[in-house]
Amino acid sequence: MVHDLSGLTTARLAGILALGLLLSGCSSQHADAPAPGPTASAVPIASTIQPTAAPTSAPTVTATAAPLNLNDPSSWIIGFSGVGPMVLGADLTSTKESMTAFSQTLWDECPSRSVVTFAEAGSPSFVIADQGGDGIIQQVVVQTGESAAGSATSSARTSAGIGIGATLDQLTIAYPAITYQDAGTPIAQYALASGEGKWIHFVVLEDKVSQIIVSPQAGIAKELCG
């Protein structure tokens, strides 16, 4: 049988719906269902906390340059600024006085300029020149001494390991950008530029470096006095 609900007022309709929901809730509850008991609390477990060690900072290491050994040319570095204790722009007289481990020869044939050679047995020889007559070093030369073998062993070297006695292959491998200079002589000359107005020149004789010149000039002066 279908009831006509159109005549029911809103209040009576709401009451009928509420009663239906209440009866539905009662019928879904079972009599033998146990009432929910209290929820057991989790038993706390004691944990051991290990103390955390305070972080320690690594000790600061300060790099210090090794002192220059004036008696050992093999410890000297050839660079764009000079060779070991012989530095472009430095006072020639002061440098000369510091080179006490070497015999010294002042070139008499250069009246207007100061040119000094330093030599030691079993070592390359070194030359410094002011070339401007003002007592300021403008050129430093490393060259084969009396003993070619000794010069190679005790030579000062560039940071890439090139010194007196290095082969042409070693030179060009160490410095791929090095340029060949045609000086119009059978002696090969190569130049390495700093890009800041300084050069290192390498003279190669019989496939080995025989002379290294540090200079503010793009070419090698034919005469130190000239």
N, C-alpha and C. Protein backbone atom coordinates (compact mmCIF):
# COMPACT_ATOMS: atom_id res chain seq x y z
N MET A 1 0.85 -1.18 0.00
CA MET A 1 0.00 0.00 0.00
C MET A 1 0.88 1.22 0.00
N VAL A 2 0.58 2.16 -0.84
CA VAL A 2 1.37 3.38 -0.97
C VAL A 2 0.65 4.49 -0.25
N HIS A 3 1.38 5.14 0.62
CA HIS A 3 0.82 6.25 1.38
C HIS A 3 1.03 7.53 0.62
N ASP A 4 0.06 8.35 0.63
CA ASP A 4 0.18 9.66 0.00
C ASP A 4 0.76 10.60 1.03
N LEU A 5 2.03 11.04 0.75
CA LEU A 5 2.72 11.91 1.72
C LEU A 5 2.56 13.38 1.40
N SER A 6 1.82 13.62 0.35
CA SER A 6 1.74 15.04 -0.09
C SER A 6 0.98 15.89 0.91
N GLY A 7 0.11 15.23 1.67
CA GLY A 7 -0.69 16.03 2.60
C GLY A 7 -0.03 16.22 3.94
N LEU A 8 1.11 15.58 4.16
CA LEU A 8 1.79 15.69 5.45
C LEU A 8 2.47 17.03 5.56
N THR A 9 2.42 17.53 6.73
CA THR A 9 3.14 18.78 6.97
C THR A 9 4.60 18.49 7.13
N THR A 10 5.38 19.51 7.01
CA THR A 10 6.85 19.38 7.12
C THR A 10 7.25 18.84 8.47
N ALA A 11 6.60 19.26 9.53
CA ALA A 11 6.96 18.81 10.88
C ALA A 11 6.67 17.35 11.05
N ARG A 12 5.48 16.87 10.53
CA ARG A 12 5.14 15.46 10.70
C ARG A 12 6.10 14.61 9.87
N LEU A 13 6.49 15.06 8.69
CA LEU A 13 7.42 14.30 7.84
C LEU A 13 8.77 14.16 8.50
N ALA A 14 9.24 15.20 9.14
CA ALA A 14 10.53 15.15 9.85
C ALA A 14 10.45 14.18 11.01
N GLY A 15 9.31 14.14 11.70
CA GLY A 15 9.17 13.21 12.83
C GLY A 15 9.20 11.79 12.38
N ILE A 16 8.54 11.47 11.23
CA ILE A 16 8.52 10.10 10.72
C ILE A 16 9.93 9.66 10.35
N LEU A 17 10.70 10.53 9.71
CA LEU A 17 12.09 10.21 9.31
C LEU A 17 12.96 9.96 10.54
N ALA A 18 12.82 10.78 11.55
CA ALA A 18 13.63 10.62 12.77
C ALA A 18 13.31 9.31 13.45
N LEU A 19 12.05 8.89 13.48
CA LEU A 19 11.66 7.64 14.10
C LEU A 19 12.24 6.47 13.33
N GLY A 20 12.26 6.57 12.00
CA GLY A 20 12.83 5.48 11.19
C GLY A 20 14.30 5.30 11.46
N LEU A 21 15.02 6.38 11.59
CA LEU A 21 16.47 6.28 11.87
C LEU A 21 16.73 5.66 13.23
N LEU A 22 15.89 6.01 14.21
CA LEU A 22 16.06 5.48 15.56
C LEU A 22 15.83 3.99 15.58
N LEU A 23 14.75 3.51 14.89
CA LEU A 23 14.47 2.07 14.86
C LEU A 23 15.57 1.32 14.13
N SER A 24 16.10 1.93 13.10
CA SER A 24 17.19 1.28 12.35
C SER A 24 18.40 1.11 13.21
N GLY A 25 18.72 2.12 14.01
CA GLY A 25 19.90 2.04 14.90
C GLY A 25 19.72 0.97 15.94
N CYS A 26 18.53 0.78 16.45
CA CYS A 26 18.30 -0.23 17.48
C CYS A 26 18.42 -1.62 16.93
N SER A 27 17.94 -1.87 15.72
CA SER A 27 17.96 -3.22 15.16
C SER A 27 19.35 -3.67 14.80
N SER A 28 20.28 -2.71 14.57
CA SER A 28 21.65 -3.11 14.19
C SER A 28 22.48 -3.48 15.39
N GLN A 29 22.11 -3.20 16.60
CA GLN A 29 22.87 -3.49 17.82
C GLN A 29 22.54 -4.90 18.29
N HIS A 30 23.46 -5.80 18.42
CA HIS A 30 23.25 -7.17 18.90
C HIS A 30 23.29 -7.23 20.42
N ALA A 31 22.46 -8.04 21.02
CA ALA A 31 22.39 -8.13 22.49
C ALA A 31 23.60 -8.81 23.07
N ASP A 32 24.19 -9.82 22.30
CA ASP A 32 25.29 -10.56 22.88
C ASP A 32 26.65 -9.93 22.53
N ALA A 33 26.66 -8.78 21.91
CA ALA A 33 27.97 -8.13 21.61
C ALA A 33 28.53 -7.56 22.87
N PRO A 34 29.71 -7.93 23.24
CA PRO A 34 30.29 -7.41 24.48
C PRO A 34 30.54 -5.92 24.36
N ALA A 35 30.31 -5.28 25.47
CA ALA A 35 30.57 -3.83 25.50
C ALA A 35 32.07 -3.61 25.40
N PRO A 36 32.45 -2.65 24.62
CA PRO A 36 33.91 -2.40 24.50
C PRO A 36 34.51 -2.06 25.83
N GLY A 37 35.59 -2.75 26.13
CA GLY A 37 36.27 -2.50 27.39
C GLY A 37 37.28 -1.37 27.26
N PRO A 38 37.82 -1.03 28.38
CA PRO A 38 38.82 0.06 28.34
C PRO A 38 40.05 -0.37 27.54
N THR A 39 40.59 0.53 26.82
CA THR A 39 41.79 0.26 26.01
C THR A 39 43.01 0.23 26.89
N ALA A 40 43.78 -0.87 26.74
CA ALA A 40 44.98 -1.00 27.57
C ALA A 40 46.02 0.00 27.13
N SER A 41 46.62 0.63 28.08
CA SER A 41 47.67 1.60 27.77
C SER A 41 48.96 0.87 27.46
N ALA A 42 49.71 1.39 26.50
CA ALA A 42 51.00 0.78 26.15
C ALA A 42 51.96 0.95 27.30
N VAL A 43 52.65 -0.14 27.63
CA VAL A 43 53.61 -0.09 28.73
C VAL A 43 54.85 0.64 28.27
N PRO A 44 55.24 1.70 28.90
CA PRO A 44 56.43 2.43 28.46
C PRO A 44 57.68 1.58 28.61
N ILE A 45 58.54 1.63 27.60
CA ILE A 45 59.80 0.87 27.63
C ILE A 45 60.93 1.85 27.84
N ALA A 46 61.68 1.57 28.87
CA ALA A 46 62.79 2.47 29.17
C ALA A 46 63.86 2.29 28.10
N SER A 47 64.37 3.37 27.55
CA SER A 47 65.43 3.30 26.54
C SER A 47 66.67 4.00 27.07
N THR A 48 67.79 3.47 26.67
CA THR A 48 69.06 4.05 27.11
C THR A 48 69.54 5.05 26.07
N ILE A 49 69.75 6.25 26.44
CA ILE A 49 70.19 7.30 25.52
C ILE A 49 71.70 7.46 25.65
N GLN A 50 72.39 7.18 24.54
CA GLN A 50 73.84 7.34 24.55
C GLN A 50 74.20 8.81 24.39
N PRO A 51 75.09 9.28 25.22
CA PRO A 51 75.49 10.69 25.08
C PRO A 51 76.18 10.92 23.73
N THR A 52 75.85 12.01 23.08
CA THR A 52 76.45 12.35 21.79
C THR A 52 77.69 13.21 22.02
N ALA A 53 78.79 12.74 21.43
CA ALA A 53 80.03 13.49 21.60
C ALA A 53 79.95 14.81 20.86
N ALA A 54 80.46 15.83 21.47
CA ALA A 54 80.45 17.15 20.84
C ALA A 54 81.34 17.13 19.62
N PRO A 55 80.85 17.67 18.50
CA PRO A 55 81.68 17.66 17.28
C PRO A 55 82.95 18.46 17.46
N THR A 56 84.00 17.90 16.93
CA THR A 56 85.29 18.59 17.03
C THR A 56 85.68 19.08 15.65
N SER A 57 86.17 20.27 15.57
CA SER A 57 86.56 20.84 14.28
C SER A 57 87.99 20.41 13.95
N ALA A 58 88.21 20.17 12.65
CA ALA A 58 89.54 19.76 12.20
C ALA A 58 90.52 20.91 12.39
N PRO A 59 91.75 20.58 12.78
CA PRO A 59 92.73 21.65 12.97
C PRO A 59 93.02 22.36 11.66
N THR A 60 93.19 23.66 11.73
CA THR A 60 93.49 24.44 10.53
C THR A 60 94.97 24.31 10.20
N VAL A 61 95.23 23.92 8.95
CA VAL A 61 96.61 23.76 8.50
C VAL A 61 96.98 24.94 7.62
N THR A 62 97.98 25.65 7.98
CA THR A 62 98.43 26.80 7.20
C THR A 62 99.65 26.42 6.40
N ALA A 63 99.52 26.53 5.07
CA ALA A 63 100.64 26.17 4.20
C ALA A 63 101.71 27.25 4.27
N THR A 64 102.93 26.82 4.45
CA THR A 64 104.04 27.75 4.49
C THR A 64 105.05 27.37 3.43
N ALA A 65 105.57 28.35 2.76
CA ALA A 65 106.55 28.10 1.71
C ALA A 65 107.87 27.70 2.34
N ALA A 66 108.52 26.71 1.73
CA ALA A 66 109.81 26.28 2.23
C ALA A 66 110.83 27.41 2.04
N PRO A 67 111.69 27.62 3.00
CA PRO A 67 112.67 28.69 2.86
C PRO A 67 113.58 28.42 1.67
N LEU A 68 113.98 29.49 0.99
CA LEU A 68 114.83 29.37 -0.19
C LEU A 68 116.24 28.97 0.23
N ASN A 69 116.72 27.88 -0.36
CA ASN A 69 118.06 27.40 -0.07
C ASN A 69 119.02 28.03 -1.08
N LEU A 70 119.78 29.01 -0.66
CA LEU A 70 120.67 29.72 -1.57
C LEU A 70 121.84 28.86 -2.04
N ASN A 71 122.07 27.74 -1.37
CA ASN A 71 123.18 26.86 -1.74
C ASN A 71 122.76 25.73 -2.68
N ASP A 72 121.48 25.63 -2.98
CA ASP A 72 120.99 24.49 -3.76
C ASP A 72 120.15 24.96 -4.94
N PRO A 73 120.78 25.18 -6.10
CA PRO A 73 120.02 25.65 -7.27
C PRO A 73 118.92 24.69 -7.71
N SER A 74 119.05 23.41 -7.41
CA SER A 74 118.01 22.46 -7.83
C SER A 74 116.69 22.69 -7.10
N SER A 75 116.71 23.46 -6.02
CA SER A 75 115.49 23.76 -5.28
C SER A 75 114.84 25.06 -5.77
N TRP A 76 115.48 25.74 -6.68
CA TRP A 76 114.97 27.02 -7.18
C TRP A 76 113.95 26.79 -8.29
N ILE A 77 112.99 27.69 -8.38
CA ILE A 77 111.96 27.64 -9.41
C ILE A 77 112.24 28.72 -10.46
N ILE A 78 112.16 28.32 -11.71
CA ILE A 78 112.25 29.26 -12.81
C ILE A 78 110.84 29.69 -13.17
N GLY A 79 110.58 30.97 -13.07
CA GLY A 79 109.25 31.48 -13.39
C GLY A 79 109.34 32.79 -14.14
N PHE A 80 108.21 33.39 -14.41
CA PHE A 80 108.20 34.65 -15.14
C PHE A 80 108.78 35.80 -14.32
N SER A 81 108.87 35.65 -13.02
CA SER A 81 109.41 36.72 -12.19
C SER A 81 110.91 36.60 -11.97
N GLY A 82 111.48 35.44 -12.31
CA GLY A 82 112.92 35.28 -12.12
C GLY A 82 113.30 33.83 -11.88
N VAL A 83 114.46 33.66 -11.29
CA VAL A 83 114.99 32.32 -11.00
C VAL A 83 115.47 32.30 -9.56
N GLY A 84 114.78 31.57 -8.70
CA GLY A 84 115.20 31.49 -7.30
C GLY A 84 115.36 32.87 -6.68
N PRO A 85 116.55 33.17 -6.15
CA PRO A 85 116.76 34.46 -5.49
C PRO A 85 116.99 35.62 -6.46
N MET A 86 117.11 35.33 -7.74
CA MET A 86 117.36 36.37 -8.76
C MET A 86 116.04 36.77 -9.39
N VAL A 87 115.56 37.95 -9.04
CA VAL A 87 114.21 38.37 -9.38
C VAL A 87 114.25 39.62 -10.26
N LEU A 88 113.45 39.59 -11.34
CA LEU A 88 113.35 40.78 -12.19
C LEU A 88 112.84 41.96 -11.38
N GLY A 89 113.48 43.11 -11.56
CA GLY A 89 113.07 44.31 -10.85
C GLY A 89 113.74 44.48 -9.50
N ALA A 90 114.52 43.49 -9.07
CA ALA A 90 115.20 43.57 -7.77
C ALA A 90 116.52 44.33 -7.92
N ASP A 91 117.06 44.74 -6.81
CA ASP A 91 118.34 45.46 -6.81
C ASP A 91 119.47 44.48 -7.12
N LEU A 92 120.25 44.80 -8.14
CA LEU A 92 121.30 43.88 -8.58
C LEU A 92 122.39 43.71 -7.51
N THR A 93 122.79 44.79 -6.88
CA THR A 93 123.86 44.71 -5.88
C THR A 93 123.44 43.85 -4.69
N SER A 94 122.23 44.03 -4.20
CA SER A 94 121.76 43.24 -3.06
C SER A 94 121.68 41.76 -3.43
N THR A 95 121.23 41.47 -4.63
CA THR A 95 121.15 40.08 -5.09
C THR A 95 122.55 39.49 -5.19
N LYS A 96 123.47 40.23 -5.73
CA LYS A 96 124.86 39.78 -5.86
C LYS A 96 125.45 39.44 -4.49
N GLU A 97 125.17 40.26 -3.50
CA GLU A 97 125.71 40.03 -2.16
C GLU A 97 125.10 38.80 -1.48
N SER A 98 123.91 38.40 -1.90
CA SER A 98 123.27 37.24 -1.28
C SER A 98 123.76 35.92 -1.88
N MET A 99 124.42 35.97 -3.03
CA MET A 99 124.85 34.75 -3.72
C MET A 99 126.25 34.34 -3.27
N THR A 100 126.41 34.11 -1.98
CA THR A 100 127.74 33.84 -1.42
C THR A 100 128.23 32.42 -1.70
N ALA A 101 127.34 31.51 -2.12
CA ALA A 101 127.75 30.13 -2.37
C ALA A 101 128.39 29.97 -3.75
N PHE A 102 128.43 31.03 -4.53
CA PHE A 102 128.94 30.95 -5.89
C PHE A 102 130.12 31.91 -6.08
N SER A 103 131.02 31.51 -6.95
CA SER A 103 132.05 32.46 -7.37
C SER A 103 131.39 33.47 -8.29
N GLN A 104 131.87 34.70 -8.25
CA GLN A 104 131.21 35.78 -8.98
C GLN A 104 132.19 36.47 -9.93
N THR A 105 131.70 36.76 -11.11
CA THR A 105 132.51 37.46 -12.09
C THR A 105 131.74 38.65 -12.64
N LEU A 106 132.28 39.83 -12.46
CA LEU A 106 131.67 41.04 -12.99
C LEU A 106 132.23 41.30 -14.38
N TRP A 107 131.37 41.48 -15.35
CA TRP A 107 131.82 41.67 -16.72
C TRP A 107 132.43 43.07 -16.88
N ASP A 108 133.72 43.09 -17.17
CA ASP A 108 134.39 44.39 -17.35
C ASP A 108 134.07 45.03 -18.69
N GLU A 109 133.64 44.19 -19.65
CA GLU A 109 133.38 44.71 -20.99
C GLU A 109 132.05 45.44 -21.10
N CYS A 110 131.36 45.58 -20.00
CA CYS A 110 130.08 46.29 -20.00
C CYS A 110 130.19 47.52 -19.09
N PRO A 111 130.85 48.57 -19.55
CA PRO A 111 131.07 49.73 -18.67
C PRO A 111 129.79 50.46 -18.28
N SER A 112 128.78 50.43 -19.16
CA SER A 112 127.56 51.19 -18.87
C SER A 112 126.47 50.33 -18.23
N ARG A 113 126.73 49.05 -18.10
CA ARG A 113 125.74 48.15 -17.52
C ARG A 113 126.42 47.19 -16.56
N SER A 114 125.63 46.66 -15.65
CA SER A 114 126.17 45.70 -14.68
C SER A 114 125.72 44.30 -15.08
N VAL A 115 126.69 43.43 -15.34
CA VAL A 115 126.41 42.04 -15.67
C VAL A 115 127.30 41.17 -14.79
N VAL A 116 126.68 40.23 -14.07
CA VAL A 116 127.42 39.38 -13.14
C VAL A 116 127.11 37.93 -13.44
N THR A 117 128.16 37.09 -13.45
CA THR A 117 128.00 35.65 -13.63
C THR A 117 128.28 34.95 -12.31
N PHE A 118 127.44 33.98 -11.95
CA PHE A 118 127.63 33.17 -10.75
C PHE A 118 127.89 31.73 -11.19
N ALA A 119 128.94 31.13 -10.67
CA ALA A 119 129.29 29.77 -11.07
C ALA A 119 129.65 28.94 -9.86
N GLU A 120 129.43 27.62 -10.01
CA GLU A 120 129.78 26.66 -8.97
C GLU A 120 130.03 25.33 -9.65
N ALA A 121 130.99 24.58 -9.15
CA ALA A 121 131.32 23.29 -9.76
C ALA A 121 130.11 22.36 -9.71
N GLY A 122 129.85 21.69 -10.84
CA GLY A 122 128.74 20.74 -10.89
C GLY A 122 127.38 21.38 -10.93
N SER A 123 127.31 22.65 -11.30
CA SER A 123 126.04 23.37 -11.32
C SER A 123 125.96 24.21 -12.58
N PRO A 124 124.75 24.55 -13.01
CA PRO A 124 124.65 25.53 -14.11
C PRO A 124 125.23 26.87 -13.65
N SER A 125 125.56 27.72 -14.57
CA SER A 125 125.97 29.07 -14.22
C SER A 125 124.77 30.00 -14.39
N PHE A 126 124.80 31.12 -13.69
CA PHE A 126 123.69 32.07 -13.71
C PHE A 126 124.23 33.46 -14.03
N VAL A 127 123.46 34.22 -14.75
CA VAL A 127 123.85 35.57 -15.13
C VAL A 127 122.70 36.51 -14.81
N ILE A 128 123.03 37.65 -14.20
CA ILE A 128 122.03 38.70 -14.01
C ILE A 128 122.57 39.97 -14.66
N ALA A 129 121.66 40.73 -15.24
CA ALA A 129 122.06 41.96 -15.92
C ALA A 129 121.03 43.04 -15.69
N ASP A 130 121.50 44.29 -15.52
CA ASP A 130 120.54 45.37 -15.36
C ASP A 130 120.10 45.92 -16.71
N GLN A 131 120.97 45.92 -17.69
CA GLN A 131 120.68 46.32 -19.08
C GLN A 131 120.15 47.74 -19.21
N GLY A 132 119.82 48.35 -18.11
CA GLY A 132 119.35 49.73 -18.18
C GLY A 132 120.34 50.67 -17.51
N GLY A 133 121.39 50.09 -16.94
CA GLY A 133 122.40 50.90 -16.26
C GLY A 133 121.91 51.52 -14.98
N ASP A 134 120.76 51.03 -14.45
CA ASP A 134 120.19 51.62 -13.25
C ASP A 134 120.31 50.71 -12.02
N GLY A 135 121.02 49.58 -12.19
CA GLY A 135 121.20 48.68 -11.05
C GLY A 135 120.01 47.80 -10.75
N ILE A 136 119.01 47.77 -11.63
CA ILE A 136 117.81 46.95 -11.44
C ILE A 136 117.89 45.77 -12.40
N ILE A 137 117.67 44.56 -11.88
CA ILE A 137 117.78 43.35 -12.70
C ILE A 137 116.70 43.35 -13.78
N GLN A 138 117.15 43.21 -15.02
CA GLN A 138 116.24 43.16 -16.16
C GLN A 138 116.30 41.83 -16.91
N GLN A 139 117.27 41.00 -16.55
CA GLN A 139 117.40 39.73 -17.24
C GLN A 139 118.11 38.73 -16.33
N VAL A 140 117.59 37.50 -16.32
CA VAL A 140 118.20 36.41 -15.55
C VAL A 140 118.42 35.25 -16.51
N VAL A 141 119.64 34.70 -16.50
CA VAL A 141 119.99 33.63 -17.42
C VAL A 141 120.46 32.41 -16.63
N VAL A 142 119.98 31.23 -17.04
CA VAL A 142 120.49 29.96 -16.52
C VAL A 142 121.10 29.25 -17.72
N GLN A 143 122.33 28.77 -17.60
CA GLN A 143 122.97 28.13 -18.74
C GLN A 143 123.87 26.98 -18.29
N THR A 144 124.16 26.11 -19.24
CA THR A 144 125.00 24.95 -18.95
C THR A 144 126.35 25.41 -18.44
N GLY A 145 126.77 24.80 -17.34
CA GLY A 145 128.07 25.13 -16.77
C GLY A 145 129.18 24.28 -17.37
N GLU A 146 130.26 24.10 -16.63
CA GLU A 146 131.39 23.32 -17.13
C GLU A 146 131.02 21.86 -17.34
N SER A 147 130.14 21.34 -16.51
CA SER A 147 129.70 19.95 -16.63
C SER A 147 128.24 19.91 -17.10
N ALA A 148 128.04 19.36 -18.30
CA ALA A 148 126.67 19.27 -18.81
C ALA A 148 125.81 18.36 -17.93
N ALA A 149 126.40 17.22 -17.52
CA ALA A 149 125.65 16.28 -16.68
C ALA A 149 125.33 16.89 -15.33
N GLY A 150 126.31 17.54 -14.73
CA GLY A 150 126.09 18.18 -13.44
C GLY A 150 125.10 19.31 -13.53
N SER A 151 125.15 20.04 -14.63
CA SER A 151 124.19 21.14 -14.82
C SER A 151 122.77 20.61 -14.90
N ALA A 152 122.59 19.49 -15.58
CA ALA A 152 121.25 18.91 -15.72
C ALA A 152 120.73 18.41 -14.38
N THR A 153 121.62 17.84 -13.58
CA THR A 153 121.20 17.27 -12.29
C THR A 153 120.82 18.34 -11.29
N SER A 154 121.60 19.40 -11.25
CA SER A 154 121.39 20.42 -10.21
C SER A 154 120.73 21.68 -10.75
N SER A 155 120.14 21.60 -11.93
CA SER A 155 119.54 22.79 -12.52
C SER A 155 118.28 23.24 -11.79
N ALA A 156 118.09 24.55 -11.75
CA ALA A 156 116.78 25.08 -11.36
C ALA A 156 115.80 24.67 -12.44
N ARG A 157 114.52 24.58 -12.10
CA ARG A 157 113.53 24.10 -13.07
C ARG A 157 112.26 24.94 -12.99
N THR A 158 111.53 24.89 -14.08
CA THR A 158 110.21 25.52 -14.08
C THR A 158 109.25 24.66 -13.26
N SER A 159 108.06 25.17 -13.03
CA SER A 159 107.07 24.40 -12.26
C SER A 159 106.66 23.13 -13.01
N ALA A 160 106.91 23.09 -14.33
CA ALA A 160 106.60 21.89 -15.12
C ALA A 160 107.79 20.95 -15.22
N GLY A 161 108.90 21.28 -14.53
CA GLY A 161 110.04 20.39 -14.48
C GLY A 161 111.07 20.58 -15.58
N ILE A 162 111.01 21.69 -16.30
CA ILE A 162 111.96 21.93 -17.39
C ILE A 162 113.14 22.73 -16.87
N GLY A 163 114.33 22.16 -17.08
CA GLY A 163 115.56 22.84 -16.69
C GLY A 163 116.64 22.58 -17.72
N ILE A 164 117.86 22.90 -17.37
CA ILE A 164 118.99 22.64 -18.26
C ILE A 164 119.10 21.13 -18.48
N GLY A 165 119.26 20.73 -19.75
CA GLY A 165 119.38 19.30 -20.07
C GLY A 165 118.07 18.66 -20.47
N ALA A 166 116.93 19.36 -20.32
CA ALA A 166 115.65 18.79 -20.76
C ALA A 166 115.66 18.67 -22.28
N THR A 167 115.00 17.65 -22.81
CA THR A 167 114.97 17.46 -24.25
C THR A 167 113.91 18.36 -24.89
N LEU A 168 114.03 18.52 -26.20
CA LEU A 168 113.06 19.33 -26.92
C LEU A 168 111.66 18.72 -26.79
N ASP A 169 111.56 17.40 -26.84
CA ASP A 169 110.25 16.75 -26.67
C ASP A 169 109.66 17.06 -25.29
N GLN A 170 110.49 16.99 -24.27
CA GLN A 170 110.00 17.29 -22.92
C GLN A 170 109.52 18.74 -22.83
N LEU A 171 110.24 19.63 -23.49
CA LEU A 171 109.87 21.04 -23.47
C LEU A 171 108.53 21.28 -24.14
N THR A 172 108.34 20.72 -25.33
CA THR A 172 107.09 20.97 -26.06
C THR A 172 105.90 20.22 -25.46
N ILE A 173 106.16 19.12 -24.81
CA ILE A 173 105.07 18.40 -24.13
C ILE A 173 104.64 19.19 -22.89
N ALA A 174 105.61 19.73 -22.15
CA ALA A 174 105.29 20.50 -20.94
C ALA A 174 104.59 21.81 -21.29
N TYR A 175 104.94 22.40 -22.44
CA TYR A 175 104.35 23.68 -22.85
C TYR A 175 103.88 23.59 -24.30
N PRO A 176 102.70 23.04 -24.53
CA PRO A 176 102.18 22.89 -25.91
C PRO A 176 102.02 24.23 -26.63
N ALA A 177 101.82 25.31 -25.89
CA ALA A 177 101.58 26.63 -26.50
C ALA A 177 102.88 27.40 -26.75
N ILE A 178 104.02 26.81 -26.46
CA ILE A 178 105.29 27.50 -26.64
C ILE A 178 105.49 27.79 -28.13
N THR A 179 106.13 28.92 -28.42
CA THR A 179 106.31 29.33 -29.82
C THR A 179 107.78 29.26 -30.21
N TYR A 180 108.00 28.85 -31.44
CA TYR A 180 109.36 28.79 -31.99
C TYR A 180 109.73 30.18 -32.50
N GLN A 181 110.95 30.60 -32.20
CA GLN A 181 111.43 31.90 -32.66
C GLN A 181 112.53 31.69 -33.69
N ASP A 182 112.33 32.26 -34.84
CA ASP A 182 113.34 32.16 -35.89
C ASP A 182 114.34 33.30 -35.70
N ALA A 183 115.49 32.96 -35.11
CA ALA A 183 116.51 33.97 -34.85
C ALA A 183 117.54 34.05 -35.97
N GLY A 184 117.32 33.27 -37.03
CA GLY A 184 118.26 33.28 -38.14
C GLY A 184 119.57 32.57 -37.83
N THR A 185 119.55 31.70 -36.84
CA THR A 185 120.74 30.93 -36.47
C THR A 185 120.35 29.45 -36.41
N PRO A 186 121.35 28.56 -36.46
CA PRO A 186 121.02 27.13 -36.36
C PRO A 186 120.59 26.70 -34.96
N ILE A 187 120.68 27.60 -34.02
CA ILE A 187 120.29 27.29 -32.64
C ILE A 187 118.80 27.58 -32.48
N ALA A 188 118.06 26.57 -32.06
CA ALA A 188 116.61 26.72 -31.91
C ALA A 188 116.28 27.51 -30.65
N GLN A 189 115.33 28.41 -30.79
CA GLN A 189 114.89 29.23 -29.66
C GLN A 189 113.37 29.16 -29.56
N TYR A 190 112.90 29.01 -28.32
CA TYR A 190 111.47 28.92 -28.06
C TYR A 190 111.11 29.92 -26.98
N ALA A 191 109.92 30.48 -27.06
CA ALA A 191 109.50 31.50 -26.10
C ALA A 191 108.16 31.14 -25.47
N LEU A 192 108.06 31.42 -24.20
CA LEU A 192 106.83 31.20 -23.44
C LEU A 192 106.42 32.55 -22.85
N ALA A 193 105.25 33.04 -23.19
CA ALA A 193 104.80 34.36 -22.76
C ALA A 193 103.87 34.26 -21.56
N SER A 194 104.01 35.21 -20.66
CA SER A 194 103.14 35.23 -19.48
C SER A 194 101.81 35.91 -19.76
N GLY A 195 101.76 36.72 -20.82
CA GLY A 195 100.57 37.52 -21.07
C GLY A 195 100.59 38.82 -20.31
N GLU A 196 101.61 39.03 -19.50
CA GLU A 196 101.73 40.26 -18.70
C GLU A 196 103.08 40.92 -18.93
N GLY A 197 103.63 40.76 -20.12
CA GLY A 197 104.86 41.46 -20.46
C GLY A 197 106.14 40.80 -19.99
N LYS A 198 106.10 39.49 -19.73
CA LYS A 198 107.31 38.78 -19.34
C LYS A 198 107.40 37.48 -20.14
N TRP A 199 108.63 37.04 -20.38
CA TRP A 199 108.85 35.85 -21.19
C TRP A 199 109.91 34.95 -20.56
N ILE A 200 109.77 33.68 -20.85
CA ILE A 200 110.83 32.71 -20.56
C ILE A 200 111.27 32.15 -21.90
N HIS A 201 112.54 32.31 -22.20
CA HIS A 201 113.10 31.83 -23.46
C HIS A 201 113.93 30.58 -23.21
N PHE A 202 113.82 29.63 -24.12
CA PHE A 202 114.57 28.39 -24.03
C PHE A 202 115.43 28.24 -25.29
N VAL A 203 116.72 28.09 -25.10
CA VAL A 203 117.63 27.85 -26.21
C VAL A 203 117.93 26.36 -26.24
N VAL A 204 117.69 25.73 -27.39
CA VAL A 204 117.88 24.28 -27.54
C VAL A 204 119.06 24.03 -28.46
N LEU A 205 120.03 23.32 -27.95
CA LEU A 205 121.23 22.98 -28.71
C LEU A 205 121.41 21.47 -28.68
N GLU A 206 121.49 20.87 -29.87
CA GLU A 206 121.63 19.41 -29.99
C GLU A 206 120.51 18.69 -29.23
N ASP A 207 119.29 19.20 -29.42
CA ASP A 207 118.07 18.60 -28.90
C ASP A 207 117.92 18.71 -27.38
N LYS A 208 118.74 19.55 -26.75
CA LYS A 208 118.62 19.71 -25.30
C LYS A 208 118.65 21.20 -24.93
N VAL A 209 117.90 21.52 -23.89
CA VAL A 209 117.88 22.90 -23.42
C VAL A 209 119.24 23.24 -22.82
N SER A 210 119.87 24.27 -23.38
CA SER A 210 121.20 24.66 -22.91
C SER A 210 121.20 26.01 -22.22
N GLN A 211 120.11 26.77 -22.41
CA GLN A 211 120.04 28.10 -21.83
C GLN A 211 118.57 28.48 -21.61
N ILE A 212 118.30 29.12 -20.48
CA ILE A 212 116.96 29.60 -20.16
C ILE A 212 117.08 31.05 -19.73
N ILE A 213 116.33 31.93 -20.37
CA ILE A 213 116.42 33.36 -20.10
C ILE A 213 115.05 33.88 -19.66
N VAL A 214 115.02 34.57 -18.53
CA VAL A 214 113.80 35.22 -18.06
C VAL A 214 113.98 36.72 -18.29
N SER A 215 113.02 37.30 -18.99
CA SER A 215 113.22 38.68 -19.43
C SER A 215 111.89 39.37 -19.69
N PRO A 216 111.86 40.71 -19.61
CA PRO A 216 110.66 41.44 -20.01
C PRO A 216 110.64 41.73 -21.51
N GLN A 217 111.49 41.06 -22.25
CA GLN A 217 111.58 41.27 -23.69
C GLN A 217 111.08 40.05 -24.45
N ALA A 218 110.41 40.29 -25.58
CA ALA A 218 109.86 39.20 -26.38
C ALA A 218 110.94 38.43 -27.12
N GLY A 219 112.10 39.04 -27.31
CA GLY A 219 113.20 38.38 -28.00
C GLY A 219 114.41 38.29 -27.10
N ILE A 220 115.35 37.46 -27.53
CA ILE A 220 116.59 37.30 -26.76
C ILE A 220 117.62 38.31 -27.24
N ALA A 221 118.19 39.05 -26.31
CA ALA A 221 119.23 40.00 -26.69
C ALA A 221 120.48 39.24 -27.12
N LYS A 222 121.03 39.64 -28.25
CA LYS A 222 122.22 38.94 -28.76
C LYS A 222 123.42 39.22 -27.87
N GLU A 223 123.46 40.39 -27.28
CA GLU A 223 124.56 40.74 -26.40
C GLU A 223 124.00 41.33 -25.12
N LEU A 224 124.45 40.80 -23.99
CA LEU A 224 123.99 41.35 -22.71
C LEU A 224 124.49 42.78 -22.51
N CYS A 225 125.60 43.10 -23.13
CA CYS A 225 126.12 44.46 -23.01
C CYS A 225 125.52 45.40 -24.05
N GLY A 226 124.85 44.83 -25.07
CA GLY A 226 124.37 45.66 -26.16
C GLY A 226 122.94 46.11 -25.95
